[in-house]
């Protein structure tokens, strides 16, 4: 990583960004607040995580994550079905929010990161990469797959005493998707991506 000027986000001290060993952190010499981290995995590792998450995305969202047997009445539910049920009950805005945060935004986030990595690797479509980098924070904030995970565990807690619950492959895929998406967001370094952008296309 080349040396670059940088301001401490806490006290605005001018420091120079330098290469760090993997997993290390840089702190401000004045206020000792954290300024930036070295990435834990390289671009190839990030691509592998994002690709694995994308593969799991489809079974996680399309396969039943829970089968409920309530006095002989058996129902299977998926993530999409859950959002639709909320909207059918009259909570349209809540259903749309669940659909966007738990289904649409995570998919767009993974596709965006994979597209950035591929285009940067081949050094093509400069404007596309720039547009994706500029809009990445929005997708990152909208993607809240943990909300559905929390609601899932709350539902299980409420139903476990009154119904027989069966977990399927969809449950496993969704939990793995949550874990992988978390690590993708953790490993993604926007500053590093902008630096790679400058190195690939020139300033």
N, C-alpha and C. Protein backbone atom coordinates (compact mmCIF):
# COMPACT_ATOMS: atom_id res chain seq x y z
N UNK A 1 0.85 -1.18 0.00
CA UNK A 1 0.00 0.00 0.00
C UNK A 1 0.89 1.23 0.00
N UNK A 2 0.73 2.12 -0.92
CA UNK A 2 1.58 3.28 -1.02
C UNK A 2 1.24 4.30 0.05
N UNK A 3 2.21 5.21 0.30
CA UNK A 3 2.02 6.24 1.31
C UNK A 3 1.05 7.28 0.79
N UNK A 4 0.03 7.62 1.61
CA UNK A 4 -0.99 8.57 1.19
C UNK A 4 -1.34 9.47 2.37
N UNK A 5 -1.66 10.76 2.10
CA UNK A 5 -2.09 11.64 3.19
C UNK A 5 -3.44 11.21 3.73
N UNK A 6 -3.62 11.39 5.04
CA UNK A 6 -4.85 10.96 5.70
C UNK A 6 -5.07 11.82 6.93
N UNK A 7 -6.35 12.13 7.22
CA UNK A 7 -6.70 12.88 8.40
C UNK A 7 -7.35 11.96 9.42
N UNK A 8 -6.97 12.12 10.68
CA UNK A 8 -7.61 11.35 11.74
C UNK A 8 -9.07 11.77 11.85
N UNK A 9 -10.02 10.85 11.82
CA UNK A 9 -11.43 11.21 11.89
C UNK A 9 -11.85 11.80 13.23
N UNK A 10 -11.00 11.67 14.26
CA UNK A 10 -11.34 12.18 15.59
C UNK A 10 -10.79 13.57 15.85
N UNK A 11 -9.49 13.76 15.58
CA UNK A 11 -8.87 15.05 15.91
C UNK A 11 -8.30 15.78 14.70
N UNK A 12 -8.47 15.22 13.49
CA UNK A 12 -8.03 15.86 12.24
C UNK A 12 -6.51 16.02 12.15
N UNK A 13 -5.79 15.18 12.86
CA UNK A 13 -4.33 15.21 12.74
C UNK A 13 -3.90 14.65 11.39
N UNK A 14 -2.96 15.34 10.74
CA UNK A 14 -2.46 14.88 9.45
C UNK A 14 -1.48 13.73 9.67
N UNK A 15 -1.78 12.60 9.08
CA UNK A 15 -0.88 11.45 9.13
C UNK A 15 -0.69 10.92 7.72
N UNK A 16 0.27 10.05 7.57
CA UNK A 16 0.52 9.49 6.24
C UNK A 16 0.21 8.00 6.28
N UNK A 17 -0.66 7.59 5.37
CA UNK A 17 -1.08 6.19 5.31
C UNK A 17 0.05 5.33 4.76
N UNK A 18 0.37 4.27 5.47
CA UNK A 18 1.45 3.38 5.05
C UNK A 18 0.98 1.93 5.09
N UNK A 19 1.76 1.10 4.45
CA UNK A 19 1.43 -0.32 4.43
C UNK A 19 1.56 -0.92 5.83
N UNK A 20 0.64 -1.80 6.16
CA UNK A 20 0.65 -2.47 7.45
C UNK A 20 0.68 -3.98 7.24
N UNK A 21 1.28 -4.71 8.15
CA UNK A 21 1.18 -6.18 8.08
C UNK A 21 -0.28 -6.59 8.22
N UNK A 22 -0.62 -7.72 7.66
CA UNK A 22 -2.00 -8.18 7.67
C UNK A 22 -2.51 -8.32 9.11
N UNK A 23 -3.70 -7.76 9.33
CA UNK A 23 -4.34 -7.86 10.64
C UNK A 23 -3.94 -6.78 11.63
N UNK A 24 -3.02 -5.87 11.25
CA UNK A 24 -2.58 -4.81 12.16
C UNK A 24 -3.45 -3.57 11.99
N UNK A 25 -3.39 -2.68 13.00
CA UNK A 25 -4.15 -1.44 12.98
C UNK A 25 -3.23 -0.24 13.13
N UNK A 26 -3.64 0.88 12.55
CA UNK A 26 -2.89 2.13 12.70
C UNK A 26 -3.68 3.06 13.61
N UNK A 27 -2.96 3.70 14.56
CA UNK A 27 -3.60 4.60 15.51
C UNK A 27 -3.03 6.01 15.37
N UNK A 28 -3.84 6.98 15.70
CA UNK A 28 -3.44 8.38 15.63
C UNK A 28 -2.35 8.66 16.68
N UNK A 29 -1.26 9.33 16.30
CA UNK A 29 -0.20 9.62 17.28
C UNK A 29 -0.61 10.65 18.33
N UNK A 30 -1.68 11.42 18.05
CA UNK A 30 -2.11 12.44 19.01
C UNK A 30 -3.18 11.92 19.97
N UNK A 31 -4.31 11.43 19.41
CA UNK A 31 -5.43 11.03 20.27
C UNK A 31 -5.52 9.51 20.45
N UNK A 32 -4.69 8.77 19.72
CA UNK A 32 -4.61 7.31 19.83
C UNK A 32 -5.90 6.59 19.41
N UNK A 33 -6.74 7.25 18.63
CA UNK A 33 -7.92 6.58 18.10
C UNK A 33 -7.54 5.79 16.85
N UNK A 34 -8.31 4.76 16.56
CA UNK A 34 -8.00 3.91 15.40
C UNK A 34 -8.26 4.68 14.11
N UNK A 35 -7.31 4.61 13.19
CA UNK A 35 -7.45 5.33 11.92
C UNK A 35 -7.84 4.38 10.80
N UNK A 36 -7.12 3.28 10.66
CA UNK A 36 -7.47 2.31 9.62
C UNK A 36 -6.87 0.96 9.98
N UNK A 37 -7.42 -0.07 9.33
CA UNK A 37 -6.95 -1.43 9.54
C UNK A 37 -6.31 -1.95 8.26
N UNK A 38 -5.40 -2.87 8.42
CA UNK A 38 -4.92 -3.62 7.26
C UNK A 38 -5.92 -4.72 6.96
N UNK A 39 -6.22 -4.98 5.70
CA UNK A 39 -7.19 -6.02 5.37
C UNK A 39 -6.71 -7.39 5.81
N UNK A 40 -7.65 -8.21 6.29
CA UNK A 40 -7.30 -9.55 6.75
C UNK A 40 -7.16 -10.52 5.58
N UNK A 41 -7.86 -10.26 4.49
CA UNK A 41 -7.73 -11.15 3.33
C UNK A 41 -7.53 -10.30 2.09
N UNK A 42 -6.93 -10.87 1.08
CA UNK A 42 -6.66 -10.14 -0.14
C UNK A 42 -7.89 -10.15 -1.03
N UNK A 43 -7.74 -9.62 -2.23
CA UNK A 43 -8.87 -9.53 -3.15
C UNK A 43 -9.40 -10.92 -3.51
N UNK A 44 -8.49 -11.88 -3.65
CA UNK A 44 -8.93 -13.23 -3.97
C UNK A 44 -9.75 -13.85 -2.85
N UNK A 45 -9.33 -13.61 -1.62
CA UNK A 45 -10.10 -14.11 -0.48
C UNK A 45 -11.46 -13.47 -0.38
N UNK A 46 -11.51 -12.16 -0.63
CA UNK A 46 -12.80 -11.45 -0.59
C UNK A 46 -13.72 -11.96 -1.69
N UNK A 47 -13.16 -12.21 -2.87
CA UNK A 47 -13.97 -12.74 -3.97
C UNK A 47 -14.51 -14.12 -3.63
N UNK A 48 -13.70 -14.96 -3.01
CA UNK A 48 -14.15 -16.30 -2.63
C UNK A 48 -15.29 -16.22 -1.62
N UNK A 49 -15.19 -15.32 -0.64
CA UNK A 49 -16.25 -15.15 0.35
C UNK A 49 -17.53 -14.67 -0.31
N UNK A 50 -17.41 -13.66 -1.17
CA UNK A 50 -18.60 -13.10 -1.82
C UNK A 50 -19.25 -14.11 -2.76
N UNK A 51 -18.44 -14.89 -3.47
CA UNK A 51 -18.98 -15.89 -4.38
C UNK A 51 -19.69 -17.00 -3.62
N UNK A 52 -19.09 -17.44 -2.51
CA UNK A 52 -19.72 -18.47 -1.68
C UNK A 52 -21.05 -17.97 -1.11
N UNK A 53 -21.07 -16.70 -0.68
CA UNK A 53 -22.31 -16.12 -0.15
C UNK A 53 -23.37 -16.03 -1.24
N UNK A 54 -22.96 -15.68 -2.46
CA UNK A 54 -23.92 -15.58 -3.56
C UNK A 54 -24.51 -16.94 -3.91
N UNK A 55 -23.69 -17.98 -3.87
CA UNK A 55 -24.18 -19.34 -4.15
C UNK A 55 -25.20 -19.76 -3.10
N UNK A 56 -24.94 -19.43 -1.84
CA UNK A 56 -25.86 -19.79 -0.77
C UNK A 56 -27.12 -18.93 -0.75
N UNK A 57 -27.05 -17.77 -1.38
CA UNK A 57 -28.17 -16.83 -1.34
C UNK A 57 -29.47 -17.45 -1.86
N UNK A 58 -29.38 -18.17 -2.96
CA UNK A 58 -30.60 -18.66 -3.62
C UNK A 58 -31.28 -19.78 -2.83
N UNK A 59 -30.57 -20.83 -2.40
CA UNK A 59 -31.27 -21.81 -1.55
C UNK A 59 -31.72 -21.22 -0.22
N UNK A 60 -30.98 -20.25 0.31
CA UNK A 60 -31.36 -19.64 1.59
C UNK A 60 -32.68 -18.89 1.48
N UNK A 61 -32.93 -18.29 0.33
CA UNK A 61 -34.14 -17.48 0.16
C UNK A 61 -35.29 -18.23 -0.50
N UNK A 62 -34.99 -19.32 -1.19
CA UNK A 62 -36.04 -20.04 -1.91
C UNK A 62 -36.48 -21.33 -1.22
N UNK A 63 -35.59 -21.94 -0.44
CA UNK A 63 -35.95 -23.17 0.26
C UNK A 63 -36.61 -22.85 1.59
N UNK A 64 -37.52 -23.71 2.06
CA UNK A 64 -38.18 -23.47 3.36
C UNK A 64 -37.15 -23.44 4.49
N UNK A 65 -37.26 -22.41 5.33
CA UNK A 65 -36.36 -22.33 6.48
C UNK A 65 -37.01 -22.89 7.74
N UNK A 66 -38.32 -23.11 7.67
CA UNK A 66 -39.02 -23.62 8.85
C UNK A 66 -40.31 -24.31 8.44
N UNK A 67 -40.56 -25.49 9.01
CA UNK A 67 -41.83 -26.20 8.82
C UNK A 67 -42.55 -26.25 10.16
N UNK A 68 -43.77 -25.73 10.17
CA UNK A 68 -44.55 -25.62 11.41
C UNK A 68 -45.70 -26.62 11.37
N UNK A 69 -45.75 -27.49 12.36
CA UNK A 69 -46.85 -28.46 12.49
C UNK A 69 -47.67 -28.07 13.72
N UNK A 70 -48.81 -27.42 13.47
CA UNK A 70 -49.68 -26.95 14.55
C UNK A 70 -50.98 -27.74 14.52
N UNK A 71 -51.08 -28.75 15.38
CA UNK A 71 -52.26 -29.61 15.48
C UNK A 71 -52.60 -30.22 14.12
N UNK A 72 -51.60 -30.76 13.46
CA UNK A 72 -51.82 -31.40 12.18
C UNK A 72 -51.83 -30.47 10.99
N UNK A 73 -51.84 -29.18 11.22
CA UNK A 73 -51.80 -28.19 10.14
C UNK A 73 -50.34 -27.83 9.86
N UNK A 74 -49.82 -28.34 8.74
CA UNK A 74 -48.40 -28.17 8.43
C UNK A 74 -48.22 -27.02 7.43
N UNK A 75 -47.33 -26.13 7.78
CA UNK A 75 -47.00 -25.00 6.91
C UNK A 75 -45.49 -24.85 6.79
N UNK A 76 -45.06 -24.54 5.58
CA UNK A 76 -43.66 -24.26 5.34
C UNK A 76 -43.50 -22.77 5.00
N UNK A 77 -42.43 -22.19 5.48
CA UNK A 77 -42.23 -20.76 5.23
C UNK A 77 -40.83 -20.51 4.69
N UNK A 78 -40.74 -19.55 3.79
CA UNK A 78 -39.47 -19.09 3.25
C UNK A 78 -39.30 -17.61 3.61
N UNK A 79 -38.14 -17.07 3.32
CA UNK A 79 -37.89 -15.66 3.62
C UNK A 79 -38.84 -14.77 2.81
N UNK A 80 -38.98 -15.07 1.52
CA UNK A 80 -39.88 -14.28 0.67
C UNK A 80 -41.32 -14.40 1.14
N UNK A 81 -41.72 -15.60 1.52
CA UNK A 81 -43.09 -15.82 1.99
C UNK A 81 -43.36 -15.01 3.25
N UNK A 82 -42.37 -14.93 4.14
CA UNK A 82 -42.54 -14.16 5.36
C UNK A 82 -42.81 -12.69 5.08
N UNK A 83 -42.07 -12.12 4.13
CA UNK A 83 -42.28 -10.71 3.78
C UNK A 83 -43.65 -10.51 3.15
N UNK A 84 -44.08 -11.45 2.31
CA UNK A 84 -45.39 -11.34 1.67
C UNK A 84 -46.52 -11.43 2.68
N UNK A 85 -46.37 -12.30 3.68
CA UNK A 85 -47.40 -12.44 4.71
C UNK A 85 -47.56 -11.14 5.49
N UNK A 86 -46.45 -10.50 5.80
CA UNK A 86 -46.51 -9.21 6.52
C UNK A 86 -47.27 -8.18 5.70
N UNK A 87 -47.02 -8.14 4.39
CA UNK A 87 -47.73 -7.18 3.53
C UNK A 87 -49.21 -7.53 3.40
N UNK A 88 -49.52 -8.83 3.32
CA UNK A 88 -50.92 -9.26 3.22
C UNK A 88 -51.72 -8.90 4.47
N UNK A 89 -51.04 -8.79 5.60
CA UNK A 89 -51.72 -8.44 6.85
C UNK A 89 -51.93 -6.94 6.99
N UNK A 90 -51.54 -6.19 5.97
CA UNK A 90 -51.77 -4.74 5.98
C UNK A 90 -50.57 -3.90 6.34
N UNK A 91 -49.47 -4.54 6.72
CA UNK A 91 -48.25 -3.80 7.07
C UNK A 91 -47.35 -3.72 5.84
N UNK A 92 -47.80 -2.94 4.86
CA UNK A 92 -47.11 -2.91 3.57
C UNK A 92 -45.70 -2.34 3.70
N UNK A 93 -45.57 -1.22 4.39
CA UNK A 93 -44.26 -0.59 4.53
C UNK A 93 -43.28 -1.48 5.29
N UNK A 94 -43.79 -2.16 6.32
CA UNK A 94 -42.93 -3.08 7.08
C UNK A 94 -42.49 -4.24 6.19
N UNK A 95 -43.44 -4.78 5.41
CA UNK A 95 -43.11 -5.88 4.51
C UNK A 95 -42.09 -5.48 3.46
N UNK A 96 -42.24 -4.27 2.92
CA UNK A 96 -41.29 -3.78 1.93
C UNK A 96 -39.91 -3.59 2.56
N UNK A 97 -39.89 -3.06 3.78
CA UNK A 97 -38.62 -2.87 4.48
C UNK A 97 -37.91 -4.20 4.72
N UNK A 98 -38.68 -5.21 5.13
CA UNK A 98 -38.11 -6.55 5.34
C UNK A 98 -37.58 -7.12 4.02
N UNK A 99 -38.36 -6.92 2.95
CA UNK A 99 -37.98 -7.44 1.64
C UNK A 99 -36.69 -6.78 1.15
N UNK A 100 -36.60 -5.47 1.32
CA UNK A 100 -35.42 -4.74 0.86
C UNK A 100 -34.19 -5.08 1.71
N UNK A 101 -34.35 -5.00 3.04
CA UNK A 101 -33.20 -5.19 3.94
C UNK A 101 -32.73 -6.64 4.01
N UNK A 102 -33.67 -7.59 3.91
CA UNK A 102 -33.30 -8.99 4.09
C UNK A 102 -33.13 -9.79 2.82
N UNK A 103 -33.64 -9.27 1.69
CA UNK A 103 -33.60 -10.05 0.45
C UNK A 103 -32.91 -9.30 -0.69
N UNK A 104 -33.42 -8.12 -1.03
CA UNK A 104 -32.95 -7.41 -2.22
C UNK A 104 -31.57 -6.79 -2.00
N UNK A 105 -31.42 -6.01 -0.92
CA UNK A 105 -30.14 -5.32 -0.68
C UNK A 105 -28.96 -6.27 -0.51
N UNK A 106 -29.09 -7.38 0.24
CA UNK A 106 -27.95 -8.30 0.34
C UNK A 106 -27.51 -8.87 -1.01
N UNK A 107 -28.48 -9.17 -1.88
CA UNK A 107 -28.13 -9.68 -3.21
C UNK A 107 -27.39 -8.61 -4.01
N UNK A 108 -27.91 -7.39 -4.01
CA UNK A 108 -27.26 -6.31 -4.76
C UNK A 108 -25.87 -6.01 -4.20
N UNK A 109 -25.72 -6.11 -2.88
CA UNK A 109 -24.42 -5.86 -2.26
C UNK A 109 -23.39 -6.90 -2.72
N UNK A 110 -23.77 -8.16 -2.70
CA UNK A 110 -22.85 -9.22 -3.13
C UNK A 110 -22.50 -9.08 -4.61
N UNK A 111 -23.50 -8.79 -5.44
CA UNK A 111 -23.26 -8.60 -6.87
C UNK A 111 -22.36 -7.40 -7.12
N UNK A 112 -22.56 -6.33 -6.35
CA UNK A 112 -21.75 -5.13 -6.50
C UNK A 112 -20.29 -5.41 -6.16
N UNK A 113 -20.05 -6.10 -5.05
CA UNK A 113 -18.68 -6.39 -4.64
C UNK A 113 -17.99 -7.31 -5.65
N UNK A 114 -18.70 -8.34 -6.10
CA UNK A 114 -18.12 -9.24 -7.09
C UNK A 114 -17.81 -8.51 -8.39
N UNK A 115 -18.71 -7.63 -8.81
CA UNK A 115 -18.49 -6.87 -10.04
C UNK A 115 -17.28 -5.96 -9.90
N UNK A 116 -17.15 -5.29 -8.77
CA UNK A 116 -15.98 -4.44 -8.53
C UNK A 116 -14.69 -5.24 -8.64
N UNK A 117 -14.66 -6.39 -7.99
CA UNK A 117 -13.45 -7.21 -7.97
C UNK A 117 -13.08 -7.70 -9.37
N UNK A 118 -14.08 -8.15 -10.12
CA UNK A 118 -13.81 -8.68 -11.46
C UNK A 118 -13.33 -7.57 -12.39
N UNK A 119 -14.03 -6.43 -12.38
CA UNK A 119 -13.66 -5.33 -13.27
C UNK A 119 -12.30 -4.74 -12.91
N UNK A 120 -12.00 -4.66 -11.61
CA UNK A 120 -10.68 -4.18 -11.21
C UNK A 120 -9.58 -5.16 -11.62
N UNK A 121 -9.88 -6.43 -11.54
CA UNK A 121 -8.89 -7.45 -11.92
C UNK A 121 -8.52 -7.33 -13.39
N UNK A 122 -9.53 -7.10 -14.24
CA UNK A 122 -9.28 -7.01 -15.68
C UNK A 122 -9.01 -5.58 -16.15
N UNK A 123 -9.20 -4.61 -15.27
CA UNK A 123 -8.92 -3.22 -15.63
C UNK A 123 -9.85 -2.65 -16.67
N UNK A 124 -11.13 -3.01 -16.61
CA UNK A 124 -12.11 -2.53 -17.60
C UNK A 124 -13.26 -1.83 -16.89
N UNK A 125 -14.06 -1.11 -17.70
CA UNK A 125 -15.28 -0.45 -17.24
C UNK A 125 -15.02 0.47 -16.04
N UNK A 126 -14.17 1.44 -16.25
CA UNK A 126 -13.77 2.35 -15.17
C UNK A 126 -14.97 3.07 -14.55
N UNK A 127 -15.87 3.60 -15.38
CA UNK A 127 -17.00 4.37 -14.85
C UNK A 127 -17.95 3.49 -14.05
N UNK A 128 -18.08 2.23 -14.47
CA UNK A 128 -18.94 1.31 -13.73
C UNK A 128 -18.39 1.06 -12.33
N UNK A 129 -17.08 0.84 -12.25
CA UNK A 129 -16.45 0.61 -10.94
C UNK A 129 -16.59 1.85 -10.06
N UNK A 130 -16.37 3.01 -10.65
CA UNK A 130 -16.49 4.26 -9.88
C UNK A 130 -17.91 4.42 -9.34
N UNK A 131 -18.90 4.15 -10.17
CA UNK A 131 -20.30 4.27 -9.74
C UNK A 131 -20.62 3.30 -8.61
N UNK A 132 -20.12 2.07 -8.73
CA UNK A 132 -20.36 1.07 -7.68
C UNK A 132 -19.68 1.45 -6.37
N UNK A 133 -18.47 1.99 -6.47
CA UNK A 133 -17.76 2.41 -5.26
C UNK A 133 -18.47 3.58 -4.57
N UNK A 134 -18.98 4.51 -5.36
CA UNK A 134 -19.67 5.66 -4.79
C UNK A 134 -20.96 5.26 -4.08
N UNK A 135 -21.65 4.25 -4.61
CA UNK A 135 -22.94 3.86 -4.05
C UNK A 135 -22.84 2.67 -3.09
N UNK A 136 -21.63 2.19 -2.85
CA UNK A 136 -21.48 1.05 -1.94
C UNK A 136 -21.99 1.33 -0.52
N UNK A 137 -21.70 2.51 0.07
CA UNK A 137 -22.20 2.76 1.43
C UNK A 137 -23.71 2.65 1.56
N UNK A 138 -24.43 3.05 0.52
CA UNK A 138 -25.90 2.95 0.57
C UNK A 138 -26.34 1.50 0.64
N UNK A 139 -25.78 0.66 -0.21
CA UNK A 139 -26.12 -0.77 -0.19
C UNK A 139 -25.70 -1.41 1.13
N UNK A 140 -24.56 -1.00 1.64
CA UNK A 140 -24.06 -1.56 2.89
C UNK A 140 -25.00 -1.24 4.06
N UNK A 141 -25.56 -0.04 4.05
CA UNK A 141 -26.49 0.36 5.12
C UNK A 141 -27.85 -0.31 4.96
N UNK A 142 -28.28 -0.51 3.71
CA UNK A 142 -29.59 -1.13 3.48
C UNK A 142 -29.58 -2.63 3.75
N UNK A 143 -28.42 -3.26 3.57
CA UNK A 143 -28.33 -4.71 3.75
C UNK A 143 -28.27 -5.04 5.23
N UNK A 144 -29.39 -5.55 5.75
CA UNK A 144 -29.48 -5.88 7.18
C UNK A 144 -30.09 -7.27 7.34
N UNK A 145 -29.35 -8.26 6.88
CA UNK A 145 -29.83 -9.63 6.92
C UNK A 145 -30.00 -10.12 8.36
N UNK A 146 -29.30 -9.46 9.29
CA UNK A 146 -29.41 -9.86 10.69
C UNK A 146 -30.80 -9.59 11.26
N UNK A 147 -31.54 -8.65 10.66
CA UNK A 147 -32.90 -8.37 11.13
C UNK A 147 -33.78 -9.60 10.97
N UNK A 148 -33.67 -10.25 9.81
CA UNK A 148 -34.48 -11.45 9.59
C UNK A 148 -34.02 -12.58 10.49
N UNK A 149 -32.72 -12.66 10.75
CA UNK A 149 -32.22 -13.70 11.65
C UNK A 149 -32.80 -13.52 13.05
N UNK A 150 -32.84 -12.28 13.52
CA UNK A 150 -33.38 -12.01 14.86
C UNK A 150 -34.86 -12.36 14.91
N UNK A 151 -35.61 -11.94 13.89
CA UNK A 151 -37.05 -12.25 13.87
C UNK A 151 -37.29 -13.75 13.77
N UNK A 152 -36.41 -14.46 13.07
CA UNK A 152 -36.53 -15.91 12.95
C UNK A 152 -36.37 -16.58 14.32
N UNK A 153 -35.35 -16.18 15.06
CA UNK A 153 -35.12 -16.78 16.38
C UNK A 153 -36.23 -16.41 17.37
N UNK A 154 -36.76 -15.19 17.26
CA UNK A 154 -37.88 -14.79 18.12
C UNK A 154 -39.10 -15.64 17.82
N UNK A 155 -39.37 -15.88 16.54
CA UNK A 155 -40.52 -16.71 16.15
C UNK A 155 -40.37 -18.13 16.66
N UNK A 156 -39.16 -18.68 16.52
CA UNK A 156 -38.91 -20.04 17.01
C UNK A 156 -39.13 -20.11 18.52
N UNK A 157 -38.66 -19.11 19.23
CA UNK A 157 -38.82 -19.08 20.69
C UNK A 157 -40.30 -19.06 21.09
N UNK A 158 -41.11 -18.34 20.32
CA UNK A 158 -42.53 -18.23 20.65
C UNK A 158 -43.32 -19.48 20.26
N UNK A 159 -42.87 -20.17 19.21
CA UNK A 159 -43.64 -21.31 18.69
C UNK A 159 -43.21 -22.66 19.25
N UNK A 160 -42.04 -22.72 19.85
CA UNK A 160 -41.48 -24.02 20.23
C UNK A 160 -42.36 -24.77 21.23
N UNK A 161 -43.14 -24.06 22.04
CA UNK A 161 -43.97 -24.72 23.06
C UNK A 161 -45.36 -25.09 22.56
N UNK A 162 -45.77 -24.56 21.40
CA UNK A 162 -47.14 -24.81 20.93
C UNK A 162 -47.18 -25.55 19.59
N UNK A 163 -46.05 -25.76 18.97
CA UNK A 163 -46.04 -26.42 17.66
C UNK A 163 -44.75 -27.23 17.50
N UNK A 164 -44.82 -28.21 16.60
CA UNK A 164 -43.63 -28.99 16.26
C UNK A 164 -42.91 -28.28 15.12
N UNK A 165 -41.66 -27.96 15.33
CA UNK A 165 -40.88 -27.21 14.35
C UNK A 165 -39.83 -28.11 13.72
N UNK A 166 -39.73 -28.02 12.40
CA UNK A 166 -38.74 -28.80 11.66
C UNK A 166 -37.88 -27.85 10.85
N UNK A 167 -36.57 -28.00 10.99
CA UNK A 167 -35.64 -27.14 10.26
C UNK A 167 -35.11 -27.91 9.05
N UNK A 168 -34.94 -27.19 7.95
CA UNK A 168 -34.49 -27.84 6.72
C UNK A 168 -33.17 -27.26 6.24
N UNK A 169 -32.85 -27.61 4.99
CA UNK A 169 -31.62 -27.11 4.38
C UNK A 169 -31.66 -25.59 4.23
N UNK A 170 -32.86 -25.05 4.06
CA UNK A 170 -32.99 -23.60 3.96
C UNK A 170 -32.50 -22.90 5.21
N UNK A 171 -32.76 -23.50 6.37
CA UNK A 171 -32.30 -22.93 7.64
C UNK A 171 -30.78 -22.87 7.68
N UNK A 172 -30.14 -23.99 7.34
CA UNK A 172 -28.68 -24.05 7.35
C UNK A 172 -28.09 -23.06 6.35
N UNK A 173 -28.67 -23.01 5.15
CA UNK A 173 -28.16 -22.10 4.12
C UNK A 173 -28.29 -20.65 4.55
N UNK A 174 -29.41 -20.32 5.22
CA UNK A 174 -29.61 -18.93 5.62
C UNK A 174 -28.64 -18.53 6.73
N UNK A 175 -28.39 -19.44 7.66
CA UNK A 175 -27.43 -19.14 8.73
C UNK A 175 -26.02 -18.97 8.14
N UNK A 176 -25.65 -19.85 7.22
CA UNK A 176 -24.34 -19.74 6.57
C UNK A 176 -24.26 -18.46 5.74
N UNK A 177 -25.36 -18.11 5.08
CA UNK A 177 -25.40 -16.86 4.31
C UNK A 177 -25.17 -15.66 5.22
N UNK A 178 -25.81 -15.68 6.38
CA UNK A 178 -25.63 -14.60 7.35
C UNK A 178 -24.17 -14.48 7.77
N UNK A 179 -23.54 -15.60 8.07
CA UNK A 179 -22.15 -15.59 8.52
C UNK A 179 -21.22 -15.09 7.41
N UNK A 180 -21.41 -15.61 6.20
CA UNK A 180 -20.55 -15.21 5.09
C UNK A 180 -20.75 -13.75 4.72
N UNK A 181 -21.99 -13.28 4.73
CA UNK A 181 -22.26 -11.88 4.41
C UNK A 181 -21.62 -10.96 5.45
N UNK A 182 -21.67 -11.38 6.70
CA UNK A 182 -21.02 -10.61 7.76
C UNK A 182 -19.53 -10.47 7.49
N UNK A 183 -18.88 -11.58 7.13
CA UNK A 183 -17.44 -11.54 6.89
C UNK A 183 -17.10 -10.77 5.61
N UNK A 184 -17.97 -10.85 4.60
CA UNK A 184 -17.75 -10.06 3.39
C UNK A 184 -17.77 -8.57 3.72
N UNK A 185 -18.76 -8.14 4.50
CA UNK A 185 -18.84 -6.73 4.88
C UNK A 185 -17.68 -6.32 5.77
N UNK A 186 -17.23 -7.25 6.61
CA UNK A 186 -16.11 -6.95 7.51
C UNK A 186 -14.80 -6.82 6.74
N UNK A 187 -14.59 -7.69 5.77
CA UNK A 187 -13.33 -7.71 5.03
C UNK A 187 -13.27 -6.63 3.96
N UNK A 188 -14.44 -6.19 3.48
CA UNK A 188 -14.45 -5.18 2.42
C UNK A 188 -13.91 -3.86 2.97
N UNK A 189 -12.92 -3.32 2.28
CA UNK A 189 -12.28 -2.08 2.70
C UNK A 189 -12.43 -1.07 1.57
N UNK A 190 -13.31 -0.10 1.76
CA UNK A 190 -13.60 0.86 0.69
C UNK A 190 -12.37 1.70 0.34
N UNK A 191 -11.60 2.08 1.35
CA UNK A 191 -10.37 2.84 1.09
C UNK A 191 -9.41 2.05 0.22
N UNK A 192 -9.29 0.77 0.53
CA UNK A 192 -8.40 -0.09 -0.25
C UNK A 192 -8.92 -0.25 -1.67
N UNK A 193 -10.23 -0.34 -1.82
CA UNK A 193 -10.81 -0.46 -3.16
C UNK A 193 -10.58 0.80 -3.98
N UNK A 194 -10.69 1.96 -3.35
CA UNK A 194 -10.40 3.21 -4.07
C UNK A 194 -8.92 3.27 -4.46
N UNK A 195 -8.05 2.79 -3.59
CA UNK A 195 -6.64 2.77 -3.93
C UNK A 195 -6.37 1.84 -5.10
N UNK A 196 -7.01 0.66 -5.07
CA UNK A 196 -6.86 -0.26 -6.20
C UNK A 196 -7.42 0.36 -7.48
N UNK A 197 -8.49 1.13 -7.34
CA UNK A 197 -9.07 1.84 -8.48
C UNK A 197 -8.05 2.81 -9.08
N UNK A 198 -7.39 3.61 -8.21
CA UNK A 198 -6.38 4.56 -8.69
C UNK A 198 -5.21 3.85 -9.34
N UNK A 199 -4.79 2.73 -8.75
CA UNK A 199 -3.66 1.99 -9.30
C UNK A 199 -4.00 1.35 -10.65
N UNK A 200 -5.24 0.93 -10.81
CA UNK A 200 -5.65 0.23 -12.03
C UNK A 200 -5.92 1.19 -13.18
N UNK A 201 -6.66 2.26 -12.89
CA UNK A 201 -7.09 3.16 -13.96
C UNK A 201 -6.32 4.47 -14.01
N UNK A 202 -5.55 4.77 -12.97
CA UNK A 202 -4.86 6.05 -12.90
C UNK A 202 -5.79 7.12 -12.35
N UNK A 203 -5.21 8.13 -11.75
CA UNK A 203 -6.01 9.18 -11.13
C UNK A 203 -6.52 10.14 -12.19
